[in-house]
Amino acid sequence: MNNGNERRGLTTCTSLMSLVAFAITANLLAAVGKQMGEQFGMREAVFVQWAYPVQFFSFSAMCFLGGVASDRIGKRRSLLAACVLISIGCLVMLLAPKFWVVCIAALIVGMGGGGIESISSAGLTDLHPTKSKLFMNLAQIFYCIGANSASVAAGILIGCGISWRWLYFGTCLLGAALVVCFVFSKFPYKASESAADTNGGVRRVMELLPNIWLPSLGLFLYVFAETSIYAFGPNYLKQLGATDKMSTLSIAAFWSAVAIGRLLCSFLPQKQTYETAICGMMTTAGILLIGQVFAQNWQSAIVLMTLTGLACAGAWPMVVSMVTVRNIKYSGTASGFTIGCGAVGCILSPMVLGKIFDTGRTHLAYSLLGACFLLSSLCIAMTYFQHKRRMAREEAEHGETA
């Protein structure tokens, strides 16, 4: 294997592992919410309601900014900075004596996570443009590994009386190791990184907006619903009589199902129409979420939660792959904007659903979440017709110039 292939392999592996680190930070707050809430004098649902939006506010902002920056200064340097932020944020978190310090740490961690999520997705498409479906689903399988690891580790270690702070210590070390790996990584050089490209970030977004606003709205609705599934799932199961351990491990069951679903989606042909698969996943997941209204015990609720994870598994990576491939010239900006819009769902979901779950109105919550998936499916269906019109217009323009 020549040096170029070695660097490409290292870059691909490091990008995938960075998603593991991000997934751990994105799910730790939900996994250890009860213990952290007790330490800072807050109920679990209330702690998640306020801590989650803080982390995902900076996550969302960095998705937008990181995507644009990566198209200008390169993806390697952008990901390096993101991993540094993850490491610093986790260090502050494990040392936090007060809730306001936790919020500062969450802001820093969120910034790093936003950079990793948006830039690594675009970077993997740049590295493997003819296999974007495969690598986008593979990337999210690694995300599931991280999410699963966070919930399993939290359930086992906290059950043994070990402090949640040690989980952030391990994530801090992982972030530092990724920094070293990215130093030796190399992404393909893009024309947007040259001085000849004078398009500013706002101009790039405005150029892309007509093509990406519908899938971005669809991803927002999807993330709004998905976030509440694992953020408030443990709280919901406890209301149905589940133990602390089983409710925490339910997050692992959800992400395991998502990982299996994304593995299956990775075998979809590259030329297969994106919208058909995505709409099928969204619609099925919406019906299953509404089914939670009829759950009679925590066992049936976990089954429905797991099936929902399996059903919606490939939706997120497929939407991001679709947007990135169709706007490859500015892949970082396109993926960053779309993922950033989705991340707004992470901010609003706990703020809207926190009070509903805390007061036990779970039927209302799951009806709302199911409706979000169904509306997301509608947005993606409309994207199909929008893309068809775009292709017809571009072919007509090409014919006139020929």
Protein backbone atom coordinates (compact mmCIF):
# COMPACT_ATOMS: atom_id res chain seq x y z
CA MET A 1 0.00 0.00 0.00
CA ASN A 2 1.47 3.37 -0.98
CA ASN A 3 1.74 6.38 1.30
CA GLY A 4 -1.28 8.08 -0.28
CA ASN A 5 -3.54 5.12 0.44
CA GLU A 6 -2.18 4.88 3.99
CA ARG A 7 -2.99 8.54 4.62
CA ARG A 8 -6.44 8.06 3.13
CA GLY A 9 -7.06 5.04 5.35
CA LEU A 10 -5.84 6.91 8.45
CA THR A 11 -8.01 9.91 7.61
CA THR A 12 -11.09 7.73 7.08
CA CYS A 13 -10.57 5.80 10.33
CA THR A 14 -9.87 8.94 12.35
CA SER A 15 -12.97 10.65 10.96
CA LEU A 16 -15.07 7.64 11.92
CA MET A 17 -13.57 7.48 15.41
CA SER A 18 -14.22 11.20 15.90
CA LEU A 19 -17.92 10.41 15.50
CA VAL A 20 -17.60 7.89 18.34
CA ALA A 21 -16.25 10.67 20.58
CA PHE A 22 -19.02 13.04 19.55
CA ALA A 23 -21.70 10.39 20.12
CA ILE A 24 -20.41 9.72 23.62
CA THR A 25 -20.66 13.41 24.54
CA ALA A 26 -24.10 13.72 22.92
CA ASN A 27 -25.55 10.84 24.96
CA LEU A 28 -23.76 11.06 28.29
CA LEU A 29 -26.01 13.83 29.61
CA ALA A 30 -29.10 11.66 29.10
CA ALA A 31 -27.38 8.52 30.43
CA VAL A 32 -26.15 10.17 33.64
CA GLY A 33 -28.88 12.83 33.91
CA LYS A 34 -30.34 11.38 37.12
CA GLN A 35 -26.98 11.26 38.93
CA MET A 36 -25.88 14.69 37.72
CA GLY A 37 -29.28 16.17 38.53
CA GLU A 38 -29.15 14.80 42.08
CA GLN A 39 -25.64 16.17 42.61
CA PHE A 40 -26.72 19.64 41.51
CA GLY A 41 -30.11 19.55 43.26
CA MET A 42 -32.34 19.07 40.18
CA ARG A 43 -34.85 16.47 39.02
CA GLU A 44 -33.73 14.32 36.09
CA ALA A 45 -36.20 15.65 33.49
CA VAL A 46 -35.54 19.25 34.56
CA PHE A 47 -31.76 18.76 34.41
CA VAL A 48 -31.98 17.30 30.89
CA GLN A 49 -34.45 20.02 29.89
CA TRP A 50 -31.86 22.75 30.60
CA ALA A 51 -28.47 21.08 30.15
CA TYR A 52 -29.25 19.54 26.74
CA PRO A 53 -30.27 22.78 25.00
CA VAL A 54 -27.12 24.51 26.25
CA GLN A 55 -24.88 21.84 24.69
CA PHE A 56 -26.82 21.67 21.46
CA PHE A 57 -27.10 25.43 21.05
CA SER A 58 -23.34 25.63 20.53
CA PHE A 59 -23.47 22.36 18.57
CA SER A 60 -25.96 23.85 16.14
CA ALA A 61 -24.02 27.11 15.74
CA MET A 62 -20.78 25.22 15.08
CA CYS A 63 -22.46 23.02 12.45
CA PHE A 64 -23.23 26.14 10.44
CA LEU A 65 -19.87 27.83 11.05
CA GLY A 66 -17.75 24.67 10.89
CA GLY A 67 -19.15 23.60 7.54
CA VAL A 68 -18.41 26.97 5.97
CA ALA A 69 -14.95 27.14 7.60
CA SER A 70 -14.01 23.66 6.40
CA ASP A 71 -14.67 24.66 2.80
CA ARG A 72 -12.29 27.59 3.26
CA ILE A 73 -9.46 26.41 5.56
CA GLY A 74 -9.71 22.66 4.97
CA LYS A 75 -11.32 19.79 6.81
CA ARG A 76 -8.19 18.51 8.60
CA ARG A 77 -7.53 21.73 10.48
CA SER A 78 -11.22 22.19 11.24
CA LEU A 79 -11.53 18.68 12.70
CA LEU A 80 -8.32 19.16 14.68
CA ALA A 81 -9.85 22.21 16.36
CA ALA A 82 -13.13 20.33 17.00
CA CYS A 83 -11.35 17.48 18.79
CA VAL A 84 -9.39 19.96 20.93
CA LEU A 85 -12.72 21.50 22.01
CA ILE A 86 -14.15 18.07 22.86
CA SER A 87 -11.15 17.30 25.05
CA ILE A 88 -11.19 20.69 26.83
CA GLY A 89 -14.97 20.59 27.36
CA CYS A 90 -14.86 17.11 28.92
CA LEU A 91 -12.02 18.22 31.20
CA VAL A 92 -14.09 21.16 32.44
CA MET A 93 -17.12 18.89 32.86
CA LEU A 94 -15.35 16.37 35.07
CA LEU A 95 -14.06 19.19 37.29
CA ALA A 96 -17.38 21.09 37.45
CA PRO A 97 -18.39 22.03 41.03
CA LYS A 98 -21.61 23.88 40.10
CA PHE A 99 -24.37 23.62 37.49
CA TRP A 100 -23.29 26.84 35.76
CA VAL A 101 -19.83 25.30 35.20
CA VAL A 102 -21.56 22.26 33.70
CA CYS A 103 -23.30 24.65 31.29
CA ILE A 104 -19.96 26.21 30.27
CA ALA A 105 -18.50 22.75 29.71
CA ALA A 106 -21.58 21.74 27.71
CA LEU A 107 -21.12 24.80 25.47
CA ILE A 108 -17.51 23.84 24.74
CA VAL A 109 -18.34 20.17 24.18
CA GLY A 110 -21.22 21.17 21.90
CA MET A 111 -18.92 23.31 19.77
CA GLY A 112 -16.56 20.40 19.28
CA GLY A 113 -19.40 18.01 18.54
CA GLY A 114 -20.93 20.34 15.95
CA GLY A 115 -17.61 20.63 14.15
CA ILE A 116 -17.09 16.86 14.12
CA GLU A 117 -20.61 15.97 12.99
CA SER A 118 -20.80 18.40 10.07
CA ILE A 119 -17.18 18.35 8.87
CA SER A 120 -16.54 14.60 9.16
CA SER A 121 -19.71 13.88 7.17
CA ALA A 122 -18.57 16.16 4.35
CA GLY A 123 -14.98 14.89 4.65
CA LEU A 124 -15.99 11.27 4.21
CA THR A 125 -18.00 12.20 1.10
CA ASP A 126 -14.93 14.01 -0.29
CA LEU A 127 -12.79 10.94 0.41
CA HIS A 128 -15.30 8.46 -1.05
CA PRO A 129 -17.64 10.36 -3.45
CA THR A 130 -18.75 7.24 -5.34
CA LYS A 131 -19.62 5.39 -2.12
CA SER A 132 -21.26 8.16 -0.14
CA LYS A 133 -24.26 6.06 0.98
CA LEU A 134 -21.98 3.35 2.29
CA PHE A 135 -19.67 5.68 4.20
CA MET A 136 -22.41 7.96 5.51
CA ASN A 137 -24.23 4.97 6.98
CA LEU A 138 -20.91 3.56 8.20
CA ALA A 139 -20.18 6.89 9.87
CA GLN A 140 -23.49 6.75 11.70
CA ILE A 141 -22.86 3.14 12.73
CA PHE A 142 -19.76 4.47 14.47
CA TYR A 143 -21.96 7.16 16.00
CA CYS A 144 -24.22 4.39 17.31
CA ILE A 145 -21.18 2.58 18.76
CA GLY A 146 -20.33 5.73 20.69
CA ALA A 147 -23.90 6.32 21.81
CA ASN A 148 -24.24 2.68 22.85
CA SER A 149 -20.91 2.76 24.69
CA ALA A 150 -21.98 5.82 26.67
CA SER A 151 -25.25 4.30 27.88
CA VAL A 152 -23.81 0.84 28.62
CA ALA A 153 -20.80 2.26 30.47
CA ALA A 154 -23.05 4.63 32.42
CA GLY A 155 -25.47 1.84 33.37
CA ILE A 156 -22.69 -0.51 34.53
CA LEU A 157 -20.29 1.95 36.20
CA ILE A 158 -22.90 4.02 37.99
CA GLY A 159 -24.55 0.78 39.11
CA CYS A 160 -21.19 -0.08 40.72
CA GLY A 161 -21.09 3.27 42.51
CA ILE A 162 -18.49 4.89 40.20
CA SER A 163 -18.90 8.63 39.60
CA TRP A 164 -20.16 9.95 36.27
CA ARG A 165 -17.05 12.17 36.18
CA TRP A 166 -14.85 9.22 35.20
CA LEU A 167 -16.87 8.84 31.99
CA TYR A 168 -15.95 12.39 31.00
CA PHE A 169 -12.31 11.71 31.91
CA GLY A 170 -12.19 8.81 29.44
CA THR A 171 -13.83 10.93 26.73
CA CYS A 172 -11.27 13.68 27.36
CA LEU A 173 -8.45 11.20 26.66
CA LEU A 174 -10.19 9.97 23.51
CA GLY A 175 -10.42 13.54 22.21
CA ALA A 176 -6.70 14.07 22.83
CA ALA A 177 -5.84 10.86 20.94
CA LEU A 178 -7.91 12.02 17.96
CA VAL A 179 -6.02 15.32 17.88
CA VAL A 180 -2.78 13.37 17.39
CA CYS A 181 -4.31 11.24 14.62
CA PHE A 182 -5.69 14.25 12.72
CA VAL A 183 -2.23 15.84 12.71
CA PHE A 184 -1.14 13.08 10.31
CA SER A 185 -4.39 12.94 8.29
CA LYS A 186 -5.02 14.39 4.83
CA PHE A 187 -8.26 15.25 3.01
CA PRO A 188 -8.62 15.94 -0.74
CA TYR A 189 -7.84 19.55 -1.64
CA LYS A 190 -10.94 21.49 -2.69
CA ALA A 191 -11.08 24.42 -5.10
CA SER A 192 -12.99 26.37 -2.42
CA GLU A 193 -9.79 26.43 -0.32
CA SER A 194 -7.91 28.45 -2.92
CA ALA A 195 -7.65 32.24 -2.99
CA ALA A 196 -9.33 32.19 -6.41
CA ASP A 197 -12.66 31.27 -4.81
CA THR A 198 -13.98 34.60 -3.53
CA ASN A 199 -17.43 33.38 -2.49
CA GLY A 200 -18.04 34.25 1.14
CA GLY A 201 -19.83 31.96 3.57
CA VAL A 202 -23.16 33.81 3.34
CA ARG A 203 -23.02 33.84 -0.45
CA ARG A 204 -22.38 30.08 -0.52
CA VAL A 205 -25.34 29.43 1.75
CA MET A 206 -27.63 31.62 -0.35
CA GLU A 207 -26.48 29.80 -3.49
CA LEU A 208 -27.27 26.43 -1.92
CA LEU A 209 -30.44 27.37 -0.01
CA PRO A 210 -33.00 26.73 -2.80
CA ASN A 211 -31.69 23.15 -3.07
CA ILE A 212 -31.33 22.29 0.61
CA TRP A 213 -34.08 24.04 2.59
CA LEU A 214 -36.63 21.23 2.27
CA PRO A 215 -34.31 18.38 3.38
CA SER A 216 -33.01 20.69 6.13
CA LEU A 217 -36.56 21.18 7.43
CA GLY A 218 -37.14 17.44 7.21
CA LEU A 219 -33.96 16.76 9.19
CA PHE A 220 -35.00 19.29 11.84
CA LEU A 221 -38.31 17.48 12.39
CA TYR A 222 -36.53 14.12 12.46
CA VAL A 223 -33.93 15.22 15.03
CA PHE A 224 -36.58 16.96 17.15
CA ALA A 225 -38.36 13.62 17.54
CA GLU A 226 -35.28 11.39 17.74
CA THR A 227 -33.68 13.47 20.52
CA SER A 228 -36.68 13.03 22.79
CA ILE A 229 -36.72 9.26 22.23
CA TYR A 230 -33.39 8.77 23.99
CA ALA A 231 -33.30 11.94 26.12
CA PHE A 232 -36.63 11.28 27.85
CA GLY A 233 -36.97 7.55 27.17
CA PRO A 234 -35.46 6.61 30.56
CA ASN A 235 -37.79 9.01 32.38
CA TYR A 236 -40.81 7.60 30.49
CA LEU A 237 -39.87 4.00 31.31
CA LYS A 238 -39.48 4.82 35.00
CA GLN A 239 -43.02 6.20 34.96
CA LEU A 240 -44.09 2.78 33.65
CA GLY A 241 -42.25 0.99 36.48
CA ALA A 242 -38.79 0.24 35.03
CA THR A 243 -35.73 0.21 37.30
CA ASP A 244 -32.97 2.81 36.96
CA LYS A 245 -30.67 0.24 35.36
CA MET A 246 -33.20 -0.97 32.79
CA SER A 247 -34.27 2.56 31.88
CA THR A 248 -30.65 3.59 31.30
CA LEU A 249 -29.88 0.45 29.27
CA SER A 250 -32.93 1.20 27.09
CA ILE A 251 -30.79 3.86 25.39
CA ALA A 252 -28.33 1.11 24.48
CA ALA A 253 -31.19 -0.99 23.06
CA PHE A 254 -32.33 1.96 20.96
CA TRP A 255 -28.87 2.72 19.55
CA SER A 256 -28.12 -0.96 18.95
CA ALA A 257 -31.24 -1.15 16.79
CA VAL A 258 -30.20 2.04 14.99
CA ALA A 259 -26.74 0.55 14.33
CA ILE A 260 -28.28 -2.61 12.84
CA GLY A 261 -30.60 -0.54 10.65
CA ARG A 262 -27.76 1.65 9.39
CA LEU A 263 -25.66 -1.40 8.65
CA LEU A 264 -28.48 -2.73 6.46
CA CYS A 265 -28.89 0.68 4.77
CA SER A 266 -25.18 0.73 3.90
CA PHE A 267 -25.90 -2.00 1.33
CA LEU A 268 -28.38 0.16 -0.59
CA PRO A 269 -27.17 0.80 -4.16
CA GLN A 270 -25.63 4.23 -4.72
CA LYS A 271 -28.05 4.89 -7.58
CA GLN A 272 -31.15 3.96 -5.58
CA THR A 273 -33.49 6.96 -5.17
CA TYR A 274 -32.87 8.58 -1.81
CA GLU A 275 -36.37 9.86 -1.16
CA THR A 276 -38.12 6.48 -1.51
CA ALA A 277 -36.09 4.85 1.26
CA ILE A 278 -36.12 7.88 3.56
CA CYS A 279 -39.90 8.38 3.36
CA GLY A 280 -40.51 4.71 4.11
CA MET A 281 -38.30 4.89 7.20
CA MET A 282 -39.83 8.13 8.49
CA THR A 283 -43.41 6.96 8.04
CA THR A 284 -42.82 3.63 9.78
CA ALA A 285 -41.03 5.32 12.68
CA GLY A 286 -43.87 7.83 13.06
CA ILE A 287 -46.46 5.08 13.33
CA LEU A 288 -44.35 3.23 15.94
CA LEU A 289 -43.93 6.39 18.02
CA ILE A 290 -47.67 6.98 18.05
CA GLY A 291 -47.94 3.34 19.17
CA GLN A 292 -46.28 4.35 22.47
CA VAL A 293 -49.60 5.95 23.40
CA PHE A 294 -51.00 2.43 23.78
CA ALA A 295 -48.05 0.92 25.71
CA GLN A 296 -49.28 -0.71 28.94
CA ASN A 297 -45.94 -1.50 30.61
CA TRP A 298 -42.24 -0.68 30.36
CA GLN A 299 -41.44 -3.94 28.53
CA SER A 300 -43.72 -3.11 25.60
CA ALA A 301 -42.44 0.49 25.64
CA ILE A 302 -38.83 -0.73 25.26
CA VAL A 303 -39.86 -2.99 22.36
CA LEU A 304 -41.53 -0.06 20.59
CA MET A 305 -38.55 2.18 21.34
CA THR A 306 -36.17 -0.41 19.86
CA LEU A 307 -38.31 -0.95 16.76
CA THR A 308 -38.48 2.81 16.25
CA GLY A 309 -34.68 2.94 16.28
CA LEU A 310 -34.53 0.17 13.68
CA ALA A 311 -37.14 1.86 11.49
CA CYS A 312 -35.64 5.36 11.43
CA ALA A 313 -32.00 4.19 11.40
CA GLY A 314 -30.96 5.19 7.91
CA ALA A 315 -32.94 8.44 7.64
CA TRP A 316 -30.31 10.85 9.04
CA PRO A 317 -27.29 9.54 7.07
CA MET A 318 -29.37 9.22 3.90
CA VAL A 319 -30.58 12.82 4.11
CA VAL A 320 -27.05 14.13 4.73
CA SER A 321 -25.62 11.95 1.95
CA MET A 322 -28.30 13.18 -0.45
CA VAL A 323 -27.62 16.84 0.30
CA THR A 324 -23.83 16.49 0.23
CA VAL A 325 -23.63 14.50 -3.02
CA ARG A 326 -26.05 16.80 -4.83
CA ASN A 327 -24.02 19.86 -3.74
CA ILE A 328 -20.49 18.44 -3.84
CA LYS A 329 -18.82 21.75 -4.83
CA TYR A 330 -19.43 23.14 -1.34
CA SER A 331 -19.92 19.87 0.53
CA GLY A 332 -18.91 21.30 3.90
CA THR A 333 -21.32 24.22 3.71
CA ALA A 334 -24.17 22.02 2.45
CA SER A 335 -23.76 19.37 5.12
CA GLY A 336 -23.06 21.96 7.82
CA PHE A 337 -26.24 23.91 7.08
CA THR A 338 -28.42 20.81 6.89
CA ILE A 339 -26.96 19.22 10.02
CA GLY A 340 -27.12 22.58 11.79
CA CYS A 341 -30.83 22.85 11.04
CA GLY A 342 -31.26 19.34 12.38
CA ALA A 343 -29.32 20.29 15.49
CA VAL A 344 -31.82 23.04 16.26
CA GLY A 345 -34.16 20.14 16.97
CA CYS A 346 -31.77 19.00 19.71
CA ILE A 347 -32.14 22.44 21.32
CA LEU A 348 -35.90 22.79 21.07
CA SER A 349 -36.88 19.19 21.78
CA PRO A 350 -35.92 19.13 25.49
CA MET A 351 -37.32 22.64 26.01
CA VAL A 352 -40.69 21.70 24.49
CA LEU A 353 -40.95 18.10 25.74
CA GLY A 354 -39.24 18.44 29.14
CA LYS A 355 -42.30 19.85 30.93
CA ILE A 356 -44.64 17.41 29.18
CA PHE A 357 -42.63 14.35 30.30
CA ASP A 358 -42.00 15.78 33.77
CA THR A 359 -45.75 16.10 34.35
CA GLY A 360 -46.48 12.61 33.01
CA ARG A 361 -48.42 13.64 29.87
CA THR A 362 -46.64 11.03 27.78
CA HIS A 363 -49.59 10.38 25.43
CA LEU A 364 -49.40 13.99 24.25
CA ALA A 365 -45.61 13.77 23.92
CA TYR A 366 -45.56 10.67 21.72
CA SER A 367 -48.43 11.87 19.56
CA LEU A 368 -46.42 15.03 18.87
CA LEU A 369 -43.23 13.07 18.16
CA GLY A 370 -44.99 10.69 15.79
CA ALA A 371 -46.47 13.63 13.90
CA CYS A 372 -42.98 15.13 13.53
CA PHE A 373 -41.74 11.98 11.76
CA LEU A 374 -44.74 11.98 9.43
CA LEU A 375 -44.24 15.66 8.54
CA SER A 376 -40.55 14.98 7.97
CA SER A 377 -41.50 12.26 5.50
CA LEU A 378 -43.68 14.78 3.65
CA CYS A 379 -40.76 17.24 3.38
CA ILE A 380 -38.50 14.58 1.88
CA ALA A 381 -41.22 13.54 -0.60
CA MET A 382 -41.44 17.18 -1.73
CA THR A 383 -37.64 17.20 -2.11
CA TYR A 384 -37.95 14.52 -4.80
CA PHE A 385 -40.09 16.75 -7.02
CA GLN A 386 -37.91 19.77 -6.29
CA HIS A 387 -34.81 17.86 -7.39
CA LYS A 388 -36.52 16.62 -10.56
CA ARG A 389 -37.37 20.21 -11.53
CA ARG A 390 -33.80 21.29 -10.83
CA MET A 391 -32.36 18.54 -13.04
CA ALA A 392 -34.78 19.38 -15.86
CA ARG A 393 -33.86 23.08 -15.63
CA GLU A 394 -30.13 22.36 -15.68
CA GLU A 395 -30.50 20.03 -18.70
CA ALA A 396 -32.44 22.72 -20.54
CA GLU A 397 -29.77 25.32 -19.76
CA HIS A 398 -27.04 22.91 -20.87
CA GLY A 399 -28.87 22.27 -24.14
CA GLU A 400 -29.11 25.99 -24.85
CA THR A 401 -25.37 26.57 -24.33
CA ALA A 402 -24.34 23.48 -26.34
